[in-house]
Amino acid sequence: MKKHPLALPAVLLWLAGVSHTSAQPAASKPKDSPNLQALLRKLPGPVRATVEAEARNATIKSISTEKAHGKTVYELESLVNGRTRDLMIDSTGKVYVVEEQLDLDKAPAPVRAALEAQGTVGTLESVMENGRTHYEGQVRTRSGKKVALTLEADGTPIKK
């Protein structure tokens, strides 16, 4: 999946037909930002409804578009209670991926054990994709190398 990050100002210009390459995120809530409201009005109706519903108690960091399997999809990057929460939304407004920052103690025990066996856990996300949840963690090994691990809930590695 090729990602085209477009932060709020870039998305607004893109939607208006103006070229812009900046990828600076804009943090705001839909009800607080006239620019964000203008962006939301330009989104397809079902996508806009999903973004508005999902961002109700969140701070929007950015909204971007991507091409996945020849179709345009939308990524909503947000903060909820100080934690990252990113959604992939198809053109019908269906959320098909939810990535949420997770504290290690909230992960299933086999996931914690698998990550901790590799070293010191930096970040951890739960990823629900099409109804299945897996976990993505960043670990600093004892030798100091950073590694990314993707695990099933039972701690089994997923090969990407």
C-alpha atoms as a PDB file:
ATOM      1  CA  MET A   1       0.000   0.000   0.000  1.00  0.00           C
ATOM      2  CA  LYS A   2       1.599   3.271  -1.063  1.00  0.00           C
ATOM      3  CA  LYS A   3       1.084   6.013   1.470  1.00  0.00           C
ATOM      4  CA  HIS A   4       0.684   9.639   0.518  1.00  0.00           C
ATOM      5  CA  PRO A   5       0.791  11.542   3.801  1.00  0.00           C
ATOM      6  CA  LEU A   6      -1.113  14.778   3.535  1.00  0.00           C
ATOM      7  CA  ALA A   7      -1.469  16.773   6.689  1.00  0.00           C
ATOM      8  CA  LEU A   8      -4.441  19.059   7.112  1.00  0.00           C
ATOM      9  CA  PRO A   9      -3.020  22.128   5.282  1.00  0.00           C
ATOM     10  CA  ALA A  10      -1.736  19.961   2.440  1.00  0.00           C
ATOM     11  CA  VAL A  11      -5.045  18.087   2.178  1.00  0.00           C
ATOM     12  CA  LEU A  12      -6.952  21.352   2.030  1.00  0.00           C
ATOM     13  CA  LEU A  13      -4.718  22.609  -0.774  1.00  0.00           C
ATOM     14  CA  TRP A  14      -4.850  19.249  -2.539  1.00  0.00           C
ATOM     15  CA  LEU A  15      -8.623  19.199  -2.388  1.00  0.00           C
ATOM     16  CA  ALA A  16      -8.644  22.735  -3.762  1.00  0.00           C
ATOM     17  CA  GLY A  17      -6.426  21.597  -6.653  1.00  0.00           C
ATOM     18  CA  VAL A  18      -3.228  23.276  -5.424  1.00  0.00           C
ATOM     19  CA  SER A  19       0.030  21.309  -5.208  1.00  0.00           C
ATOM     20  CA  HIS A  20       1.707  21.259  -1.800  1.00  0.00           C
ATOM     21  CA  THR A  21       4.282  18.892  -0.319  1.00  0.00           C
ATOM     22  CA  SER A  22       4.243  19.810   3.367  1.00  0.00           C
ATOM     23  CA  ALA A  23       3.431  16.963   5.733  1.00  0.00           C
ATOM     24  CA  GLN A  24       3.124  18.898   8.972  1.00  0.00           C
ATOM     25  CA  PRO A  25       0.278  17.477  11.058  1.00  0.00           C
ATOM     26  CA  ALA A  26      -2.414  19.802  12.270  1.00  0.00           C
ATOM     27  CA  ALA A  27      -3.914  19.002  15.644  1.00  0.00           C
ATOM     28  CA  SER A  28      -7.428  20.169  16.200  1.00  0.00           C
ATOM     29  CA  LYS A  29     -10.903  18.950  16.860  1.00  0.00           C
ATOM     30  CA  PRO A  30     -13.514  19.096  14.112  1.00  0.00           C
ATOM     31  CA  LYS A  31     -15.743  21.519  15.975  1.00  0.00           C
ATOM     32  CA  ASP A  32     -12.818  23.854  16.768  1.00  0.00           C
ATOM     33  CA  SER A  33     -11.274  24.346  13.336  1.00  0.00           C
ATOM     34  CA  PRO A  34     -12.912  26.042  10.370  1.00  0.00           C
ATOM     35  CA  ASN A  35     -10.145  24.592   8.141  1.00  0.00           C
ATOM     36  CA  LEU A  36     -10.900  21.100   9.342  1.00  0.00           C
ATOM     37  CA  GLN A  37     -14.596  21.679   8.784  1.00  0.00           C
ATOM     38  CA  ALA A  38     -13.819  22.726   5.201  1.00  0.00           C
ATOM     39  CA  LEU A  39     -11.761  19.566   4.725  1.00  0.00           C
ATOM     40  CA  LEU A  40     -14.508  17.380   6.149  1.00  0.00           C
ATOM     41  CA  ARG A  41     -17.046  18.909   3.753  1.00  0.00           C
ATOM     42  CA  LYS A  42     -14.829  17.825   0.844  1.00  0.00           C
ATOM     43  CA  LEU A  43     -14.652  14.195   1.982  1.00  0.00           C
ATOM     44  CA  PRO A  44     -17.169  11.712   0.548  1.00  0.00           C
ATOM     45  CA  GLY A  45     -20.296  11.717   2.746  1.00  0.00           C
ATOM     46  CA  PRO A  46     -19.859   8.253   4.269  1.00  0.00           C
ATOM     47  CA  VAL A  47     -16.177   8.947   5.041  1.00  0.00           C
ATOM     48  CA  ARG A  48     -17.017  12.324   6.575  1.00  0.00           C
ATOM     49  CA  ALA A  49     -19.684  10.756   8.796  1.00  0.00           C
ATOM     50  CA  THR A  50     -17.223   8.123  10.014  1.00  0.00           C
ATOM     51  CA  VAL A  51     -14.462  10.676  10.660  1.00  0.00           C
ATOM     52  CA  GLU A  52     -16.847  12.931  12.571  1.00  0.00           C
ATOM     53  CA  ALA A  53     -18.155  10.032  14.670  1.00  0.00           C
ATOM     54  CA  GLU A  54     -14.721   8.532  15.373  1.00  0.00           C
ATOM     55  CA  ALA A  55     -13.124  11.902  16.163  1.00  0.00           C
ATOM     56  CA  ARG A  56     -15.849  13.028  18.552  1.00  0.00           C
ATOM     57  CA  ASN A  57     -13.604  12.586  21.645  1.00  0.00           C
ATOM     58  CA  ALA A  58     -10.292  12.815  19.825  1.00  0.00           C
ATOM     59  CA  THR A  59      -7.769  15.317  18.557  1.00  0.00           C
ATOM     60  CA  ILE A  60      -7.207  14.909  14.835  1.00  0.00           C
ATOM     61  CA  LYS A  61      -3.527  14.864  13.900  1.00  0.00           C
ATOM     62  CA  SER A  62      -4.042  14.363  10.175  1.00  0.00           C
ATOM     63  CA  ILE A  63      -6.226  12.913   7.479  1.00  0.00           C
ATOM     64  CA  SER A  64      -4.573  11.439   4.415  1.00  0.00           C
ATOM     65  CA  THR A  65      -5.530   9.483   1.331  1.00  0.00           C
ATOM     66  CA  GLU A  66      -3.857   6.366   0.017  1.00  0.00           C
ATOM     67  CA  LYS A  67      -4.367   3.962  -2.842  1.00  0.00           C
ATOM     68  CA  ALA A  68      -4.996   0.371  -1.759  1.00  0.00           C
ATOM     69  CA  HIS A  69      -5.693  -2.229  -4.421  1.00  0.00           C
ATOM     70  CA  GLY A  70      -6.540   0.549  -6.862  1.00  0.00           C
ATOM     71  CA  LYS A  71      -9.056   2.203  -4.531  1.00  0.00           C
ATOM     72  CA  THR A  72      -8.810   5.421  -2.544  1.00  0.00           C
ATOM     73  CA  VAL A  73      -8.832   4.908   1.209  1.00  0.00           C
ATOM     74  CA  TYR A  74      -8.546   7.422   4.026  1.00  0.00           C
ATOM     75  CA  GLU A  75      -6.320   7.371   7.093  1.00  0.00           C
ATOM     76  CA  LEU A  76      -7.407   9.271  10.179  1.00  0.00           C
ATOM     77  CA  GLU A  77      -4.560   9.818  12.649  1.00  0.00           C
ATOM     78  CA  SER A  78      -5.776  10.939  16.048  1.00  0.00           C
ATOM     79  CA  LEU A  79      -5.040  11.185  19.744  1.00  0.00           C
ATOM     80  CA  VAL A  80      -7.518   9.856  22.291  1.00  0.00           C
ATOM     81  CA  ASN A  81      -6.688  10.447  25.940  1.00  0.00           C
ATOM     82  CA  GLY A  82      -3.041  11.081  24.991  1.00  0.00           C
ATOM     83  CA  ARG A  83      -2.734   7.825  23.033  1.00  0.00           C
ATOM     84  CA  THR A  84      -2.433   7.432  19.280  1.00  0.00           C
ATOM     85  CA  ARG A  85      -5.380   5.915  17.450  1.00  0.00           C
ATOM     86  CA  ASP A  86      -5.245   5.569  13.680  1.00  0.00           C
ATOM     87  CA  LEU A  87      -8.073   4.365  11.459  1.00  0.00           C
ATOM     88  CA  MET A  88      -8.178   3.204   7.864  1.00  0.00           C
ATOM     89  CA  ILE A  89     -11.529   3.994   6.281  1.00  0.00           C
ATOM     90  CA  ASP A  90     -12.754   2.829   2.881  1.00  0.00           C
ATOM     91  CA  SER A  91     -14.817   4.990   0.528  1.00  0.00           C
ATOM     92  CA  THR A  92     -18.070   3.578   1.952  1.00  0.00           C
ATOM     93  CA  GLY A  93     -17.122   4.868   5.424  1.00  0.00           C
ATOM     94  CA  LYS A  94     -16.280   1.414   6.789  1.00  0.00           C
ATOM     95  CA  VAL A  95     -13.397   1.325   9.286  1.00  0.00           C
ATOM     96  CA  TYR A  96     -11.332  -1.707   8.362  1.00  0.00           C
ATOM     97  CA  VAL A  97      -8.142  -1.113  10.396  1.00  0.00           C
ATOM     98  CA  VAL A  98      -7.815   0.352  13.897  1.00  0.00           C
ATOM     99  CA  GLU A  99      -4.333   0.843  15.357  1.00  0.00           C
ATOM    100  CA  GLU A 100      -4.227   1.877  19.006  1.00  0.00           C
ATOM    101  CA  GLN A 101      -1.276   2.629  21.234  1.00  0.00           C
ATOM    102  CA  LEU A 102      -1.275   0.159  24.094  1.00  0.00           C
ATOM    103  CA  ASP A 103       0.473  -0.049  27.446  1.00  0.00           C
ATOM    104  CA  LEU A 104       2.475  -3.247  27.764  1.00  0.00           C
ATOM    105  CA  ASP A 105       0.507  -4.326  30.854  1.00  0.00           C
ATOM    106  CA  LYS A 106      -2.718  -4.224  28.774  1.00  0.00           C
ATOM    107  CA  ALA A 107      -1.377  -6.673  26.176  1.00  0.00           C
ATOM    108  CA  PRO A 108      -2.131 -10.411  26.389  1.00  0.00           C
ATOM    109  CA  ALA A 109       0.418 -12.224  28.562  1.00  0.00           C
ATOM    110  CA  PRO A 110       1.886 -14.236  25.633  1.00  0.00           C
ATOM    111  CA  VAL A 111       2.467 -11.006  23.680  1.00  0.00           C
ATOM    112  CA  ARG A 112       4.191  -9.373  26.674  1.00  0.00           C
ATOM    113  CA  ALA A 113       6.360 -12.429  27.204  1.00  0.00           C
ATOM    114  CA  ALA A 114       7.378 -12.632  23.526  1.00  0.00           C
ATOM    115  CA  LEU A 115       8.275  -8.936  23.399  1.00  0.00           C
ATOM    116  CA  GLU A 116      10.128  -8.890  26.718  1.00  0.00           C
ATOM    117  CA  ALA A 117      12.118 -11.981  25.687  1.00  0.00           C
ATOM    118  CA  GLN A 118      13.584  -9.859  22.881  1.00  0.00           C
ATOM    119  CA  GLY A 119      14.583  -6.877  25.060  1.00  0.00           C
ATOM    120  CA  THR A 120      13.103  -3.610  26.300  1.00  0.00           C
ATOM    121  CA  VAL A 121       9.724  -2.756  24.823  1.00  0.00           C
ATOM    122  CA  GLY A 122       9.487   0.786  23.457  1.00  0.00           C
ATOM    123  CA  THR A 123       6.086   1.092  21.844  1.00  0.00           C
ATOM    124  CA  LEU A 124       3.191  -1.281  21.391  1.00  0.00           C
ATOM    125  CA  GLU A 125       0.043  -1.096  19.297  1.00  0.00           C
ATOM    126  CA  SER A 126      -2.950  -3.340  18.992  1.00  0.00           C
ATOM    127  CA  VAL A 127      -4.051  -3.602  15.370  1.00  0.00           C
ATOM    128  CA  MET A 128      -7.551  -4.771  14.546  1.00  0.00           C
ATOM    129  CA  GLU A 129      -7.828  -5.514  10.855  1.00  0.00           C
ATOM    130  CA  ASN A 130     -11.004  -6.921   9.363  1.00  0.00           C
ATOM    131  CA  GLY A 131     -12.085  -8.277  12.738  1.00  0.00           C
ATOM    132  CA  ARG A 132      -8.726  -9.881  13.746  1.00  0.00           C
ATOM    133  CA  THR A 133      -6.375  -8.362  16.309  1.00  0.00           C
ATOM    134  CA  HIS A 134      -2.606  -8.616  16.268  1.00  0.00           C
ATOM    135  CA  TYR A 135       0.112  -6.632  18.019  1.00  0.00           C
ATOM    136  CA  GLU A 136       3.000  -4.549  16.695  1.00  0.00           C
ATOM    137  CA  GLY A 137       5.842  -3.738  19.053  1.00  0.00           C
ATOM    138  CA  GLN A 138       9.159  -1.909  18.886  1.00  0.00           C
ATOM    139  CA  VAL A 139      11.859  -3.493  21.027  1.00  0.00           C
ATOM    140  CA  ARG A 140      15.439  -2.503  21.815  1.00  0.00           C
ATOM    141  CA  THR A 141      17.442  -5.712  22.045  1.00  0.00           C
ATOM    142  CA  ARG A 142      20.137  -6.283  24.654  1.00  0.00           C
ATOM    143  CA  SER A 143      22.708  -5.467  21.956  1.00  0.00           C
ATOM    144  CA  GLY A 144      21.016  -2.075  21.432  1.00  0.00           C
ATOM    145  CA  LYS A 145      19.408  -2.826  18.073  1.00  0.00           C
ATOM    146  CA  LYS A 146      15.815  -1.676  17.470  1.00  0.00           C
ATOM    147  CA  VAL A 147      13.555  -4.355  16.050  1.00  0.00           C
ATOM    148  CA  ALA A 148       9.890  -4.366  15.064  1.00  0.00           C
ATOM    149  CA  LEU A 149       7.816  -7.425  15.931  1.00  0.00           C
ATOM    150  CA  THR A 150       4.326  -8.323  14.751  1.00  0.00           C
ATOM    151  CA  LEU A 151       2.621 -10.948  16.894  1.00  0.00           C
ATOM    152  CA  GLU A 152      -0.606 -12.892  17.120  1.00  0.00           C
ATOM    153  CA  ALA A 153      -2.446 -12.679  20.464  1.00  0.00           C
ATOM    154  CA  ASP A 154      -0.825 -15.991  21.442  1.00  0.00           C
ATOM    155  CA  GLY A 155       2.672 -14.465  20.994  1.00  0.00           C
ATOM    156  CA  THR A 156       3.376 -16.219  17.686  1.00  0.00           C
ATOM    157  CA  PRO A 157       5.342 -13.999  15.257  1.00  0.00           C
ATOM    158  CA  ILE A 158       3.612 -12.951  12.045  1.00  0.00           C
ATOM    159  CA  LYS A 159       5.863 -12.815   9.012  1.00  0.00           C
ATOM    160  CA  LYS A 160       5.305  -9.786   6.818  1.00  0.00           C
END
